[in-house]
Amino acid sequence: MRTSLSNVHYSIREAAGVLGVAPSNVARAIRLGQVRAVRRRGHLVIPASGLIRLLGDPMSGGTP
């Protein structure tokens, strides 16, 4: 079964692991509007598309 990236979300802790930073840094980036997050079942989650975009941004230290 194929999963669309639009349906994949990461918790703050999971996103921090992917990015290699502390969860508090991800939470701060969400508050500052640098990372997009949505509420799912009462919890903030980061869409996979947002992480991909962030990882591909040379200004954030990711790969082009």
PDB file of N, CA and C in Angstrom:
ATOM      1  N   MET A   1       0.831  -1.179   0.000  1.00  0.00           N
ATOM      2  CA  MET A   1       0.000   0.000   0.000  1.00  0.00           C
ATOM      3  C   MET A   1       0.879   1.247   0.000  1.00  0.00           C
ATOM      4  N   ARG A   2       0.547   2.178  -0.809  1.00  0.00           N
ATOM      5  CA  ARG A   2       1.331   3.396  -0.966  1.00  0.00           C
ATOM      6  C   ARG A   2       0.810   4.474  -0.015  1.00  0.00           C
ATOM      7  N   THR A   3       1.739   5.163   0.654  1.00  0.00           N
ATOM      8  CA  THR A   3       1.371   6.236   1.571  1.00  0.00           C
ATOM      9  C   THR A   3       1.794   7.566   0.985  1.00  0.00           C
ATOM     10  N   SER A   4       0.866   8.480   0.906  1.00  0.00           N
ATOM     11  CA  SER A   4       1.159   9.809   0.396  1.00  0.00           C
ATOM     12  C   SER A   4       1.877  10.621   1.469  1.00  0.00           C
ATOM     13  N   LEU A   5       2.856  11.414   1.075  1.00  0.00           N
ATOM     14  CA  LEU A   5       3.564  12.247   2.040  1.00  0.00           C
ATOM     15  C   LEU A   5       2.643  13.271   2.682  1.00  0.00           C
ATOM     16  N   SER A   6       1.543  13.603   2.012  1.00  0.00           N
ATOM     17  CA  SER A   6       0.629  14.576   2.591  1.00  0.00           C
ATOM     18  C   SER A   6      -0.074  14.011   3.823  1.00  0.00           C
ATOM     19  N   ASN A   7      -0.057  12.694   4.001  1.00  0.00           N
ATOM     20  CA  ASN A   7      -0.695  12.070   5.150  1.00  0.00           C
ATOM     21  C   ASN A   7       0.294  11.697   6.245  1.00  0.00           C
ATOM     22  N   VAL A   8       1.578  11.930   6.037  1.00  0.00           N
ATOM     23  CA  VAL A   8       2.600  11.556   7.005  1.00  0.00           C
ATOM     24  C   VAL A   8       2.937  12.772   7.860  1.00  0.00           C
ATOM     25  N   HIS A   9       2.893  12.562   9.175  1.00  0.00           N
ATOM     26  CA  HIS A   9       3.210  13.632  10.116  1.00  0.00           C
ATOM     27  C   HIS A   9       4.180  13.111  11.160  1.00  0.00           C
ATOM     28  N   TYR A  10       4.995  14.016  11.688  1.00  0.00           N
ATOM     29  CA  TYR A  10       5.960  13.665  12.722  1.00  0.00           C
ATOM     30  C   TYR A  10       5.666  14.455  13.990  1.00  0.00           C
ATOM     31  N   SER A  11       5.835  13.809  15.120  1.00  0.00           N
ATOM     32  CA  SER A  11       5.720  14.520  16.392  1.00  0.00           C
ATOM     33  C   SER A  11       6.927  15.448  16.515  1.00  0.00           C
ATOM     34  N   ILE A  12       6.865  16.345  17.468  1.00  0.00           N
ATOM     35  CA  ILE A  12       7.994  17.248  17.691  1.00  0.00           C
ATOM     36  C   ILE A  12       9.248  16.446  18.011  1.00  0.00           C
ATOM     37  N   ARG A  13       9.110  15.428  18.834  1.00  0.00           N
ATOM     38  CA  ARG A  13      10.269  14.599  19.199  1.00  0.00           C
ATOM     39  C   ARG A  13      10.827  13.856  17.980  1.00  0.00           C
ATOM     40  N   GLU A  14       9.943  13.299  17.144  1.00  0.00           N
ATOM     41  CA  GLU A  14      10.401  12.589  15.944  1.00  0.00           C
ATOM     42  C   GLU A  14      11.089  13.545  14.970  1.00  0.00           C
ATOM     43  N   ALA A  15      10.503  14.730  14.784  1.00  0.00           N
ATOM     44  CA  ALA A  15      11.093  15.717  13.876  1.00  0.00           C
ATOM     45  C   ALA A  15      12.470  16.145  14.385  1.00  0.00           C
ATOM     46  N   ALA A  16      12.593  16.298  15.696  1.00  0.00           N
ATOM     47  CA  ALA A  16      13.881  16.663  16.273  1.00  0.00           C
ATOM     48  C   ALA A  16      14.923  15.594  15.974  1.00  0.00           C
ATOM     49  N   GLY A  17      14.525  14.328  16.054  1.00  0.00           N
ATOM     50  CA  GLY A  17      15.446  13.238  15.746  1.00  0.00           C
ATOM     51  C   GLY A  17      15.888  13.261  14.289  1.00  0.00           C
ATOM     52  N   VAL A  18      14.952  13.524  13.392  1.00  0.00           N
ATOM     53  CA  VAL A  18      15.276  13.591  11.968  1.00  0.00           C
ATOM     54  C   VAL A  18      16.232  14.750  11.696  1.00  0.00           C
ATOM     55  N   LEU A  19      15.984  15.880  12.353  1.00  0.00           N
ATOM     56  CA  LEU A  19      16.789  17.076  12.125  1.00  0.00           C
ATOM     57  C   LEU A  19      18.092  17.084  12.916  1.00  0.00           C
ATOM     58  N   GLY A  20      18.184  16.219  13.929  1.00  0.00           N
ATOM     59  CA  GLY A  20      19.387  16.160  14.747  1.00  0.00           C
ATOM     60  C   GLY A  20      19.495  17.319  15.732  1.00  0.00           C
ATOM     61  N   VAL A  21      18.355  17.783  16.218  1.00  0.00           N
ATOM     62  CA  VAL A  21      18.334  18.884  17.180  1.00  0.00           C
ATOM     63  C   VAL A  21      17.474  18.485  18.378  1.00  0.00           C
ATOM     64  N   ALA A  22      17.475  19.305  19.408  1.00  0.00           N
ATOM     65  CA  ALA A  22      16.657  19.053  20.591  1.00  0.00           C
ATOM     66  C   ALA A  22      15.186  19.376  20.288  1.00  0.00           C
ATOM     67  N   PRO A  23      14.260  18.651  20.902  1.00  0.00           N
ATOM     68  CA  PRO A  23      12.836  18.949  20.708  1.00  0.00           C
ATOM     69  C   PRO A  23      12.475  20.402  21.035  1.00  0.00           C
ATOM     70  N   SER A  24      13.166  20.993  21.996  1.00  0.00           N
ATOM     71  CA  SER A  24      12.884  22.394  22.334  1.00  0.00           C
ATOM     72  C   SER A  24      13.214  23.325  21.167  1.00  0.00           C
ATOM     73  N   ASN A  25      14.203  22.964  20.366  1.00  0.00           N
ATOM     74  CA  ASN A  25      14.538  23.770  19.187  1.00  0.00           C
ATOM     75  C   ASN A  25      13.435  23.689  18.141  1.00  0.00           C
ATOM     76  N   VAL A  26      12.853  22.515  17.974  1.00  0.00           N
ATOM     77  CA  VAL A  26      11.752  22.354  17.020  1.00  0.00           C
ATOM     78  C   VAL A  26      10.534  23.144  17.517  1.00  0.00           C
ATOM     79  N   ALA A  27      10.234  23.041  18.798  1.00  0.00           N
ATOM     80  CA  ALA A  27       9.101  23.776  19.364  1.00  0.00           C
ATOM     81  C   ALA A  27       9.291  25.280  19.196  1.00  0.00           C
ATOM     82  N   ARG A  28      10.504  25.754  19.398  1.00  0.00           N
ATOM     83  CA  ARG A  28      10.802  27.186  19.227  1.00  0.00           C
ATOM     84  C   ARG A  28      10.615  27.590  17.770  1.00  0.00           C
ATOM     85  N   ALA A  29      11.079  26.766  16.841  1.00  0.00           N
ATOM     86  CA  ALA A  29      10.938  27.071  15.416  1.00  0.00           C
ATOM     87  C   ALA A  29       9.461  27.126  15.020  1.00  0.00           C
ATOM     88  N   ILE A  30       8.644  26.279  15.626  1.00  0.00           N
ATOM     89  CA  ILE A  30       7.203  26.310  15.359  1.00  0.00           C
ATOM     90  C   ILE A  30       6.622  27.632  15.863  1.00  0.00           C
ATOM     91  N   ARG A  31       6.978  28.010  17.082  1.00  0.00           N
ATOM     92  CA  ARG A  31       6.474  29.270  17.652  1.00  0.00           C
ATOM     93  C   ARG A  31       6.884  30.477  16.812  1.00  0.00           C
ATOM     94  N   LEU A  32       8.088  30.447  16.261  1.00  0.00           N
ATOM     95  CA  LEU A  32       8.598  31.557  15.453  1.00  0.00           C
ATOM     96  C   LEU A  32       8.093  31.520  14.004  1.00  0.00           C
ATOM     97  N   GLY A  33       7.380  30.470  13.643  1.00  0.00           N
ATOM     98  CA  GLY A  33       6.841  30.360  12.296  1.00  0.00           C
ATOM     99  C   GLY A  33       7.832  29.837  11.275  1.00  0.00           C
ATOM    100  N   GLN A  34       8.955  29.298  11.733  1.00  0.00           N
ATOM    101  CA  GLN A  34       9.964  28.772  10.820  1.00  0.00           C
ATOM    102  C   GLN A  34       9.631  27.357  10.346  1.00  0.00           C
ATOM    103  N   VAL A  35       8.851  26.649  11.138  1.00  0.00           N
ATOM    104  CA  VAL A  35       8.421  25.290  10.799  1.00  0.00           C
ATOM    105  C   VAL A  35       6.907  25.257  10.918  1.00  0.00           C
ATOM    106  N   ARG A  36       6.256  24.729   9.901  1.00  0.00           N
ATOM    107  CA  ARG A  36       4.796  24.641   9.911  1.00  0.00           C
ATOM    108  C   ARG A  36       4.366  23.417  10.706  1.00  0.00           C
ATOM    109  N   ALA A  37       3.385  23.604  11.556  1.00  0.00           N
ATOM    110  CA  ALA A  37       2.839  22.502  12.342  1.00  0.00           C
ATOM    111  C   ALA A  37       1.322  22.604  12.321  1.00  0.00           C
ATOM    112  N   VAL A  38       0.678  21.462  12.451  1.00  0.00           N
ATOM    113  CA  VAL A  38      -0.785  21.401  12.497  1.00  0.00           C
ATOM    114  C   VAL A  38      -1.199  20.587  13.719  1.00  0.00           C
ATOM    115  N   ARG A  39      -2.426  20.774  14.141  1.00  0.00           N
ATOM    116  CA  ARG A  39      -2.957  19.995  15.262  1.00  0.00           C
ATOM    117  C   ARG A  39      -3.661  18.756  14.726  1.00  0.00           C
ATOM    118  N   ARG A  40      -3.278  17.613  15.262  1.00  0.00           N
ATOM    119  CA  ARG A  40      -3.922  16.333  14.952  1.00  0.00           C
ATOM    120  C   ARG A  40      -4.220  15.657  16.277  1.00  0.00           C
ATOM    121  N   ARG A  41      -5.498  15.442  16.523  1.00  0.00           N
ATOM    122  CA  ARG A  41      -5.931  14.798  17.772  1.00  0.00           C
ATOM    123  C   ARG A  41      -5.381  15.502  19.004  1.00  0.00           C
ATOM    124  N   GLY A  42      -5.319  16.832  18.938  1.00  0.00           N
ATOM    125  CA  GLY A  42      -4.899  17.625  20.078  1.00  0.00           C
ATOM    126  C   GLY A  42      -3.406  17.813  20.239  1.00  0.00           C
ATOM    127  N   HIS A  43      -2.613  17.266  19.328  1.00  0.00           N
ATOM    128  CA  HIS A  43      -1.156  17.374  19.419  1.00  0.00           C
ATOM    129  C   HIS A  43      -0.613  18.111  18.207  1.00  0.00           C
ATOM    130  N   LEU A  44       0.442  18.870  18.414  1.00  0.00           N
ATOM    131  CA  LEU A  44       1.114  19.508  17.288  1.00  0.00           C
ATOM    132  C   LEU A  44       1.958  18.468  16.559  1.00  0.00           C
ATOM    133  N   VAL A  45       1.823  18.419  15.257  1.00  0.00           N
ATOM    134  CA  VAL A  45       2.632  17.529  14.431  1.00  0.00           C
ATOM    135  C   VAL A  45       3.149  18.317  13.235  1.00  0.00           C
ATOM    136  N   ILE A  46       4.266  17.864  12.713  1.00  0.00           N
ATOM    137  CA  ILE A  46       4.897  18.523  11.570  1.00  0.00           C
ATOM    138  C   ILE A  46       4.681  17.642  10.346  1.00  0.00           C
ATOM    139  N   PRO A  47       4.076  18.183   9.285  1.00  0.00           N
ATOM    140  CA  PRO A  47       3.899  17.403   8.060  1.00  0.00           C
ATOM    141  C   PRO A  47       5.249  17.020   7.452  1.00  0.00           C
ATOM    142  N   ALA A  48       5.311  15.831   6.871  1.00  0.00           N
ATOM    143  CA  ALA A  48       6.547  15.358   6.243  1.00  0.00           C
ATOM    144  C   ALA A  48       7.005  16.324   5.161  1.00  0.00           C
ATOM    145  N   SER A  49       6.063  16.915   4.443  1.00  0.00           N
ATOM    146  CA  SER A  49       6.435  17.852   3.381  1.00  0.00           C
ATOM    147  C   SER A  49       7.197  19.052   3.952  1.00  0.00           C
ATOM    148  N   GLY A  50       6.839  19.479   5.142  1.00  0.00           N
ATOM    149  CA  GLY A  50       7.546  20.587   5.789  1.00  0.00           C
ATOM    150  C   GLY A  50       8.966  20.213   6.163  1.00  0.00           C
ATOM    151  N   LEU A  51       9.147  18.985   6.640  1.00  0.00           N
ATOM    152  CA  LEU A  51      10.501  18.534   6.983  1.00  0.00           C
ATOM    153  C   LEU A  51      11.358  18.389   5.738  1.00  0.00           C
ATOM    154  N   ILE A  52      10.774  17.864   4.686  1.00  0.00           N
ATOM    155  CA  ILE A  52      11.517  17.710   3.433  1.00  0.00           C
ATOM    156  C   ILE A  52      11.960  19.073   2.926  1.00  0.00           C
ATOM    157  N   ARG A  53      11.058  20.035   2.989  1.00  0.00           N
ATOM    158  CA  ARG A  53      11.379  21.389   2.552  1.00  0.00           C
ATOM    159  C   ARG A  53      12.493  21.976   3.416  1.00  0.00           C
ATOM    160  N   LEU A  54      12.408  21.753   4.720  1.00  0.00           N
ATOM    161  CA  LEU A  54      13.420  22.273   5.639  1.00  0.00           C
ATOM    162  C   LEU A  54      14.778  21.608   5.417  1.00  0.00           C
ATOM    163  N   LEU A  55      14.784  20.309   5.203  1.00  0.00           N
ATOM    164  CA  LEU A  55      16.038  19.592   4.974  1.00  0.00           C
ATOM    165  C   LEU A  55      16.681  19.989   3.653  1.00  0.00           C
ATOM    166  N   GLY A  56      15.886  20.403   2.690  1.00  0.00           N
ATOM    167  CA  GLY A  56      16.406  20.790   1.380  1.00  0.00           C
ATOM    168  C   GLY A  56      16.815  22.238   1.301  1.00  0.00           C
ATOM    169  N   ASP A  57      16.620  23.005   2.385  1.00  0.00           N
ATOM    170  CA  ASP A  57      16.932  24.432   2.398  1.00  0.00           C
ATOM    171  C   ASP A  57      18.390  24.645   2.777  1.00  0.00           C
ATOM    172  N   PRO A  58      19.231  25.151   1.857  1.00  0.00           N
ATOM    173  CA  PRO A  58      20.654  25.344   2.156  1.00  0.00           C
ATOM    174  C   PRO A  58      20.884  26.310   3.323  1.00  0.00           C
ATOM    175  N   MET A  59      19.997  27.246   3.547  1.00  0.00           N
ATOM    176  CA  MET A  59      20.155  28.208   4.638  1.00  0.00           C
ATOM    177  C   MET A  59      19.975  27.549   5.996  1.00  0.00           C
ATOM    178  N   SER A  60      19.298  26.402   6.052  1.00  0.00           N
ATOM    179  CA  SER A  60      19.076  25.720   7.322  1.00  0.00           C
ATOM    180  C   SER A  60      20.151  24.669   7.587  1.00  0.00           C
ATOM    181  N   GLY A  61      21.100  24.532   6.682  1.00  0.00           N
ATOM    182  CA  GLY A  61      22.163  23.559   6.868  1.00  0.00           C
ATOM    183  C   GLY A  61      21.867  22.218   6.224  1.00  0.00           C
ATOM    184  N   GLY A  62      20.728  22.095   5.531  1.00  0.00           N
ATOM    185  CA  GLY A  62      20.368  20.850   4.860  1.00  0.00           C
ATOM    186  C   GLY A  62      21.049  20.730   3.517  1.00  0.00           C
ATOM    187  N   THR A  63      20.779  19.651   2.834  1.00  0.00           N
ATOM    188  CA  THR A  63      21.372  19.454   1.513  1.00  0.00           C
ATOM    189  C   THR A  63      20.488  20.091   0.461  1.00  0.00           C
ATOM    190  N   PRO A  64      21.053  20.636  -0.596  1.00  0.00           N
ATOM    191  CA  PRO A  64      20.256  21.278  -1.643  1.00  0.00           C
ATOM    192  C   PRO A  64      19.409  20.311  -2.417  1.00  0.00           C
TER     193      PRO A  64
END
